[in-house]
Amino acid sequence: MPSTSIRKFDYDPNTKVLSVWFVASGKHYEFLDVPVEAFAAFNSAFAKGRYFNDHIRNRYAFRLVT
């Protein structure tokens, strides 16, 4: 299902970096050391924004990509 808060996302299994682009701010963040299992669950979640808020945000270190 399309998300109203997440424009797109990508995952690199070699570096375990989850890249997320947000709709409202237009900002792009990279979340570090995200296990492939967490990405798989995020990818298959019906509500991406809810899954992100409950399981990714505030659980992994991140950086803003400029």
PDB file of N, CA and C in Angstrom:
ATOM      1  N   MET A   1       0.847  -1.188   0.000  1.00  0.00           N
ATOM      2  CA  MET A   1       0.000   0.000   0.000  1.00  0.00           C
ATOM      3  C   MET A   1       0.889   1.248   0.000  1.00  0.00           C
ATOM      4  N   PRO A   2       0.577   2.244  -0.793  1.00  0.00           N
ATOM      5  CA  PRO A   2       1.340   3.490  -0.761  1.00  0.00           C
ATOM      6  C   PRO A   2       1.224   4.149   0.613  1.00  0.00           C
ATOM      7  N   SER A   3       2.281   4.810   1.016  1.00  0.00           N
ATOM      8  CA  SER A   3       2.295   5.475   2.315  1.00  0.00           C
ATOM      9  C   SER A   3       2.073   6.965   2.129  1.00  0.00           C
ATOM     10  N   THR A   4       1.380   7.568   3.074  1.00  0.00           N
ATOM     11  CA  THR A   4       1.179   9.012   3.014  1.00  0.00           C
ATOM     12  C   THR A   4       2.354   9.751   3.636  1.00  0.00           C
ATOM     13  N   SER A   5       3.231   9.040   4.361  1.00  0.00           N
ATOM     14  CA  SER A   5       4.356   9.710   5.013  1.00  0.00           C
ATOM     15  C   SER A   5       5.713   9.344   4.418  1.00  0.00           C
ATOM     16  N   ILE A   6       5.814   8.179   3.809  1.00  0.00           N
ATOM     17  CA  ILE A   6       7.085   7.730   3.252  1.00  0.00           C
ATOM     18  C   ILE A   6       6.975   7.704   1.726  1.00  0.00           C
ATOM     19  N   ARG A   7       7.797   8.535   1.077  1.00  0.00           N
ATOM     20  CA  ARG A   7       7.748   8.635  -0.387  1.00  0.00           C
ATOM     21  C   ARG A   7       8.368   7.406  -1.029  1.00  0.00           C
ATOM     22  N   LYS A   8       9.566   7.016  -0.536  1.00  0.00           N
ATOM     23  CA  LYS A   8      10.215   5.811  -1.045  1.00  0.00           C
ATOM     24  C   LYS A   8      11.247   5.356  -0.033  1.00  0.00           C
ATOM     25  N   PHE A   9      11.738   4.137  -0.239  1.00  0.00           N
ATOM     26  CA  PHE A   9      12.767   3.600   0.642  1.00  0.00           C
ATOM     27  C   PHE A   9      13.594   2.599  -0.141  1.00  0.00           C
ATOM     28  N   ASP A  10      14.795   2.351   0.376  1.00  0.00           N
ATOM     29  CA  ASP A  10      15.719   1.418  -0.261  1.00  0.00           C
ATOM     30  C   ASP A  10      16.570   0.801   0.840  1.00  0.00           C
ATOM     31  N   TYR A  11      17.108  -0.382   0.577  1.00  0.00           N
ATOM     32  CA  TYR A  11      17.918  -1.070   1.574  1.00  0.00           C
ATOM     33  C   TYR A  11      19.126  -1.695   0.904  1.00  0.00           C
ATOM     34  N   ASP A  12      20.277  -1.533   1.537  1.00  0.00           N
ATOM     35  CA  ASP A  12      21.512  -2.158   1.054  1.00  0.00           C
ATOM     36  C   ASP A  12      21.891  -3.248   2.052  1.00  0.00           C
ATOM     37  N   PRO A  13      21.710  -4.516   1.693  1.00  0.00           N
ATOM     38  CA  PRO A  13      22.001  -5.598   2.631  1.00  0.00           C
ATOM     39  C   PRO A  13      23.489  -5.731   2.960  1.00  0.00           C
ATOM     40  N   ASN A  14      24.365  -5.226   2.099  1.00  0.00           N
ATOM     41  CA  ASN A  14      25.806  -5.305   2.371  1.00  0.00           C
ATOM     42  C   ASN A  14      26.233  -4.359   3.492  1.00  0.00           C
ATOM     43  N   THR A  15      25.641  -3.174   3.521  1.00  0.00           N
ATOM     44  CA  THR A  15      25.993  -2.190   4.554  1.00  0.00           C
ATOM     45  C   THR A  15      24.951  -2.115   5.663  1.00  0.00           C
ATOM     46  N   LYS A  16      23.812  -2.770   5.447  1.00  0.00           N
ATOM     47  CA  LYS A  16      22.679  -2.738   6.392  1.00  0.00           C
ATOM     48  C   LYS A  16      22.149  -1.320   6.596  1.00  0.00           C
ATOM     49  N   VAL A  17      22.152  -0.542   5.517  1.00  0.00           N
ATOM     50  CA  VAL A  17      21.646   0.832   5.567  1.00  0.00           C
ATOM     51  C   VAL A  17      20.272   0.883   4.913  1.00  0.00           C
ATOM     52  N   LEU A  18      19.303   1.376   5.684  1.00  0.00           N
ATOM     53  CA  LEU A  18      17.944   1.601   5.189  1.00  0.00           C
ATOM     54  C   LEU A  18      17.797   3.081   4.877  1.00  0.00           C
ATOM     55  N   SER A  19      17.561   3.406   3.610  1.00  0.00           N
ATOM     56  CA  SER A  19      17.352   4.788   3.191  1.00  0.00           C
ATOM     57  C   SER A  19      15.859   5.049   3.094  1.00  0.00           C
ATOM     58  N   VAL A  20      15.428   6.171   3.683  1.00  0.00           N
ATOM     59  CA  VAL A  20      14.002   6.513   3.683  1.00  0.00           C
ATOM     60  C   VAL A  20      13.852   7.974   3.276  1.00  0.00           C
ATOM     61  N   TRP A  21      12.961   8.215   2.308  1.00  0.00           N
ATOM     62  CA  TRP A  21      12.617   9.561   1.863  1.00  0.00           C
ATOM     63  C   TRP A  21      11.203   9.860   2.354  1.00  0.00           C
ATOM     64  N   PHE A  22      11.030  11.009   3.010  1.00  0.00           N
ATOM     65  CA  PHE A  22       9.735  11.363   3.590  1.00  0.00           C
ATOM     66  C   PHE A  22       8.957  12.334   2.705  1.00  0.00           C
ATOM     67  N   VAL A  23       7.647  12.193   2.728  1.00  0.00           N
ATOM     68  CA  VAL A  23       6.760  13.004   1.899  1.00  0.00           C
ATOM     69  C   VAL A  23       6.725  14.449   2.380  1.00  0.00           C
ATOM     70  N   ALA A  24       6.364  14.680   3.634  1.00  0.00           N
ATOM     71  CA  ALA A  24       6.111  16.037   4.132  1.00  0.00           C
ATOM     72  C   ALA A  24       7.354  16.926   4.088  1.00  0.00           C
ATOM     73  N   SER A  25       8.467  16.424   4.575  1.00  0.00           N
ATOM     74  CA  SER A  25       9.684  17.241   4.645  1.00  0.00           C
ATOM     75  C   SER A  25      10.519  17.139   3.378  1.00  0.00           C
ATOM     76  N   GLY A  26      10.346  16.063   2.628  1.00  0.00           N
ATOM     77  CA  GLY A  26      11.176  15.819   1.463  1.00  0.00           C
ATOM     78  C   GLY A  26      12.577  15.360   1.823  1.00  0.00           C
ATOM     79  N   LYS A  27      12.824  15.153   3.111  1.00  0.00           N
ATOM     80  CA  LYS A  27      14.157  14.787   3.566  1.00  0.00           C
ATOM     81  C   LYS A  27      14.442  13.305   3.365  1.00  0.00           C
ATOM     82  N   HIS A  28      15.732  13.014   3.276  1.00  0.00           N
ATOM     83  CA  HIS A  28      16.225  11.649   3.060  1.00  0.00           C
ATOM     84  C   HIS A  28      17.125  11.308   4.248  1.00  0.00           C
ATOM     85  N   TYR A  29      16.807  10.221   4.923  1.00  0.00           N
ATOM     86  CA  TYR A  29      17.597   9.756   6.058  1.00  0.00           C
ATOM     87  C   TYR A  29      18.117   8.359   5.781  1.00  0.00           C
ATOM     88  N   GLU A  30      19.260   8.057   6.362  1.00  0.00           N
ATOM     89  CA  GLU A  30      19.810   6.710   6.327  1.00  0.00           C
ATOM     90  C   GLU A  30      19.830   6.167   7.745  1.00  0.00           C
ATOM     91  N   PHE A  31      19.262   4.998   7.925  1.00  0.00           N
ATOM     92  CA  PHE A  31      19.235   4.315   9.215  1.00  0.00           C
ATOM     93  C   PHE A  31      20.273   3.206   9.166  1.00  0.00           C
ATOM     94  N   LEU A  32      21.122   3.161  10.185  1.00  0.00           N
ATOM     95  CA  LEU A  32      22.325   2.334  10.160  1.00  0.00           C
ATOM     96  C   LEU A  32      22.152   1.021  10.917  1.00  0.00           C
ATOM     97  N   ASP A  33      22.828  -0.001  10.429  1.00  0.00           N
ATOM     98  CA  ASP A  33      22.844  -1.326  11.072  1.00  0.00           C
ATOM     99  C   ASP A  33      21.453  -1.919  11.244  1.00  0.00           C
ATOM    100  N   VAL A  34      20.622  -1.747  10.237  1.00  0.00           N
ATOM    101  CA  VAL A  34      19.271  -2.312  10.252  1.00  0.00           C
ATOM    102  C   VAL A  34      19.355  -3.753   9.747  1.00  0.00           C
ATOM    103  N   PRO A  35      18.972  -4.718  10.584  1.00  0.00           N
ATOM    104  CA  PRO A  35      19.044  -6.115  10.142  1.00  0.00           C
ATOM    105  C   PRO A  35      18.121  -6.383   8.958  1.00  0.00           C
ATOM    106  N   VAL A  36      18.519  -7.321   8.121  1.00  0.00           N
ATOM    107  CA  VAL A  36      17.721  -7.647   6.945  1.00  0.00           C
ATOM    108  C   VAL A  36      16.310  -8.082   7.340  1.00  0.00           C
ATOM    109  N   GLU A  37      16.167  -8.724   8.482  1.00  0.00           N
ATOM    110  CA  GLU A  37      14.835  -9.151   8.947  1.00  0.00           C
ATOM    111  C   GLU A  37      13.938  -7.949   9.236  1.00  0.00           C
ATOM    112  N   ALA A  38      14.520  -6.893   9.800  1.00  0.00           N
ATOM    113  CA  ALA A  38      13.739  -5.679  10.078  1.00  0.00           C
ATOM    114  C   ALA A  38      13.316  -5.020   8.774  1.00  0.00           C
ATOM    115  N   PHE A  39      14.229  -4.993   7.789  1.00  0.00           N
ATOM    116  CA  PHE A  39      13.860  -4.429   6.498  1.00  0.00           C
ATOM    117  C   PHE A  39      12.769  -5.264   5.833  1.00  0.00           C
ATOM    118  N   ALA A  40      12.893  -6.573   5.875  1.00  0.00           N
ATOM    119  CA  ALA A  40      11.896  -7.448   5.250  1.00  0.00           C
ATOM    120  C   ALA A  40      10.523  -7.209   5.857  1.00  0.00           C
ATOM    121  N   ALA A  41      10.459  -7.061   7.169  1.00  0.00           N
ATOM    122  CA  ALA A  41       9.180  -6.802   7.834  1.00  0.00           C
ATOM    123  C   ALA A  41       8.640  -5.427   7.440  1.00  0.00           C
ATOM    124  N   PHE A  42       9.509  -4.425   7.367  1.00  0.00           N
ATOM    125  CA  PHE A  42       9.111  -3.085   6.939  1.00  0.00           C
ATOM    126  C   PHE A  42       8.591  -3.121   5.501  1.00  0.00           C
ATOM    127  N   ASN A  43       9.309  -3.802   4.644  1.00  0.00           N
ATOM    128  CA  ASN A  43       8.943  -3.896   3.234  1.00  0.00           C
ATOM    129  C   ASN A  43       7.580  -4.561   3.043  1.00  0.00           C
ATOM    130  N   SER A  44       7.264  -5.533   3.864  1.00  0.00           N
ATOM    131  CA  SER A  44       6.001  -6.251   3.706  1.00  0.00           C
ATOM    132  C   SER A  44       4.870  -5.682   4.562  1.00  0.00           C
ATOM    133  N   ALA A  45       5.176  -4.690   5.387  1.00  0.00           N
ATOM    134  CA  ALA A  45       4.145  -4.108   6.259  1.00  0.00           C
ATOM    135  C   ALA A  45       3.065  -3.412   5.429  1.00  0.00           C
ATOM    136  N   PHE A  46       1.828  -3.584   5.832  1.00  0.00           N
ATOM    137  CA  PHE A  46       0.710  -2.936   5.153  1.00  0.00           C
ATOM    138  C   PHE A  46       0.778  -1.421   5.338  1.00  0.00           C
ATOM    139  N   ALA A  47       1.043  -0.992   6.576  1.00  0.00           N
ATOM    140  CA  ALA A  47       1.132   0.439   6.898  1.00  0.00           C
ATOM    141  C   ALA A  47       2.603   0.779   7.149  1.00  0.00           C
ATOM    142  N   LYS A  48       3.275   1.245   6.118  1.00  0.00           N
ATOM    143  CA  LYS A  48       4.706   1.527   6.217  1.00  0.00           C
ATOM    144  C   LYS A  48       5.019   2.580   7.280  1.00  0.00           C
ATOM    145  N   GLY A  49       4.251   3.652   7.319  1.00  0.00           N
ATOM    146  CA  GLY A  49       4.486   4.712   8.303  1.00  0.00           C
ATOM    147  C   GLY A  49       4.344   4.210   9.722  1.00  0.00           C
ATOM    148  N   ARG A  50       3.328   3.432   9.976  1.00  0.00           N
ATOM    149  CA  ARG A  50       3.119   2.882  11.321  1.00  0.00           C
ATOM    150  C   ARG A  50       4.249   1.934  11.691  1.00  0.00           C
ATOM    151  N   TYR A  51       4.628   1.052  10.762  1.00  0.00           N
ATOM    152  CA  TYR A  51       5.725   0.122  11.047  1.00  0.00           C
ATOM    153  C   TYR A  51       7.007   0.906  11.317  1.00  0.00           C
ATOM    154  N   PHE A  52       7.275   1.916  10.488  1.00  0.00           N
ATOM    155  CA  PHE A  52       8.471   2.736  10.670  1.00  0.00           C
ATOM    156  C   PHE A  52       8.482   3.360  12.060  1.00  0.00           C
ATOM    157  N   ASN A  53       7.379   3.972  12.452  1.00  0.00           N
ATOM    158  CA  ASN A  53       7.313   4.635  13.760  1.00  0.00           C
ATOM    159  C   ASN A  53       7.456   3.647  14.908  1.00  0.00           C
ATOM    160  N   ASP A  54       6.894   2.467  14.763  1.00  0.00           N
ATOM    161  CA  ASP A  54       6.914   1.482  15.851  1.00  0.00           C
ATOM    162  C   ASP A  54       8.201   0.672  15.928  1.00  0.00           C
ATOM    163  N   HIS A  55       8.892   0.494  14.797  1.00  0.00           N
ATOM    164  CA  HIS A  55      10.003  -0.461  14.783  1.00  0.00           C
ATOM    165  C   HIS A  55      11.344   0.066  14.254  1.00  0.00           C
ATOM    166  N   ILE A  56      11.356   1.215  13.615  1.00  0.00           N
ATOM    167  CA  ILE A  56      12.603   1.739  13.052  1.00  0.00           C
ATOM    168  C   ILE A  56      13.019   3.034  13.760  1.00  0.00           C
ATOM    169  N   ARG A  57      12.124   4.010  13.770  1.00  0.00           N
ATOM    170  CA  ARG A  57      12.414   5.311  14.392  1.00  0.00           C
ATOM    171  C   ARG A  57      12.782   5.106  15.857  1.00  0.00           C
ATOM    172  N   ASN A  58      13.800   5.817  16.285  1.00  0.00           N
ATOM    173  CA  ASN A  58      14.291   5.778  17.669  1.00  0.00           C
ATOM    174  C   ASN A  58      14.888   4.435  18.074  1.00  0.00           C
ATOM    175  N   ARG A  59      15.108   3.514  17.126  1.00  0.00           N
ATOM    176  CA  ARG A  59      15.733   2.224  17.451  1.00  0.00           C
ATOM    177  C   ARG A  59      17.081   2.046  16.768  1.00  0.00           C
ATOM    178  N   TYR A  60      17.301   2.806  15.703  1.00  0.00           N
ATOM    179  CA  TYR A  60      18.553   2.698  14.954  1.00  0.00           C
ATOM    180  C   TYR A  60      19.177   4.072  14.806  1.00  0.00           C
ATOM    181  N   ALA A  61      20.510   4.105  14.830  1.00  0.00           N
ATOM    182  CA  ALA A  61      21.207   5.356  14.574  1.00  0.00           C
ATOM    183  C   ALA A  61      20.884   5.801  13.148  1.00  0.00           C
ATOM    184  N   PHE A  62      20.876   7.095  12.924  1.00  0.00           N
ATOM    185  CA  PHE A  62      20.534   7.609  11.606  1.00  0.00           C
ATOM    186  C   PHE A  62      21.330   8.845  11.290  1.00  0.00           C
ATOM    187  N   ARG A  63      21.314   9.207  10.012  1.00  0.00           N
ATOM    188  CA  ARG A  63      21.933  10.451   9.563  1.00  0.00           C
ATOM    189  C   ARG A  63      21.082  11.047   8.455  1.00  0.00           C
ATOM    190  N   LEU A  64      21.057  12.368   8.423  1.00  0.00           N
ATOM    191  CA  LEU A  64      20.371  13.093   7.360  1.00  0.00           C
ATOM    192  C   LEU A  64      21.284  13.145   6.154  1.00  0.00           C
ATOM    193  N   VAL A  65      20.748  12.816   4.995  1.00  0.00           N
ATOM    194  CA  VAL A  65      21.525  12.878   3.760  1.00  0.00           C
ATOM    195  C   VAL A  65      21.213  14.196   3.078  1.00  0.00           C
ATOM    196  N   THR A  66      22.258  14.954   2.798  1.00  0.00           N
ATOM    197  CA  THR A  66      22.035  16.267   2.169  1.00  0.00           C
ATOM    198  C   THR A  66      22.427  16.249   0.722  1.00  0.00           C
TER     199      THR A  66
END
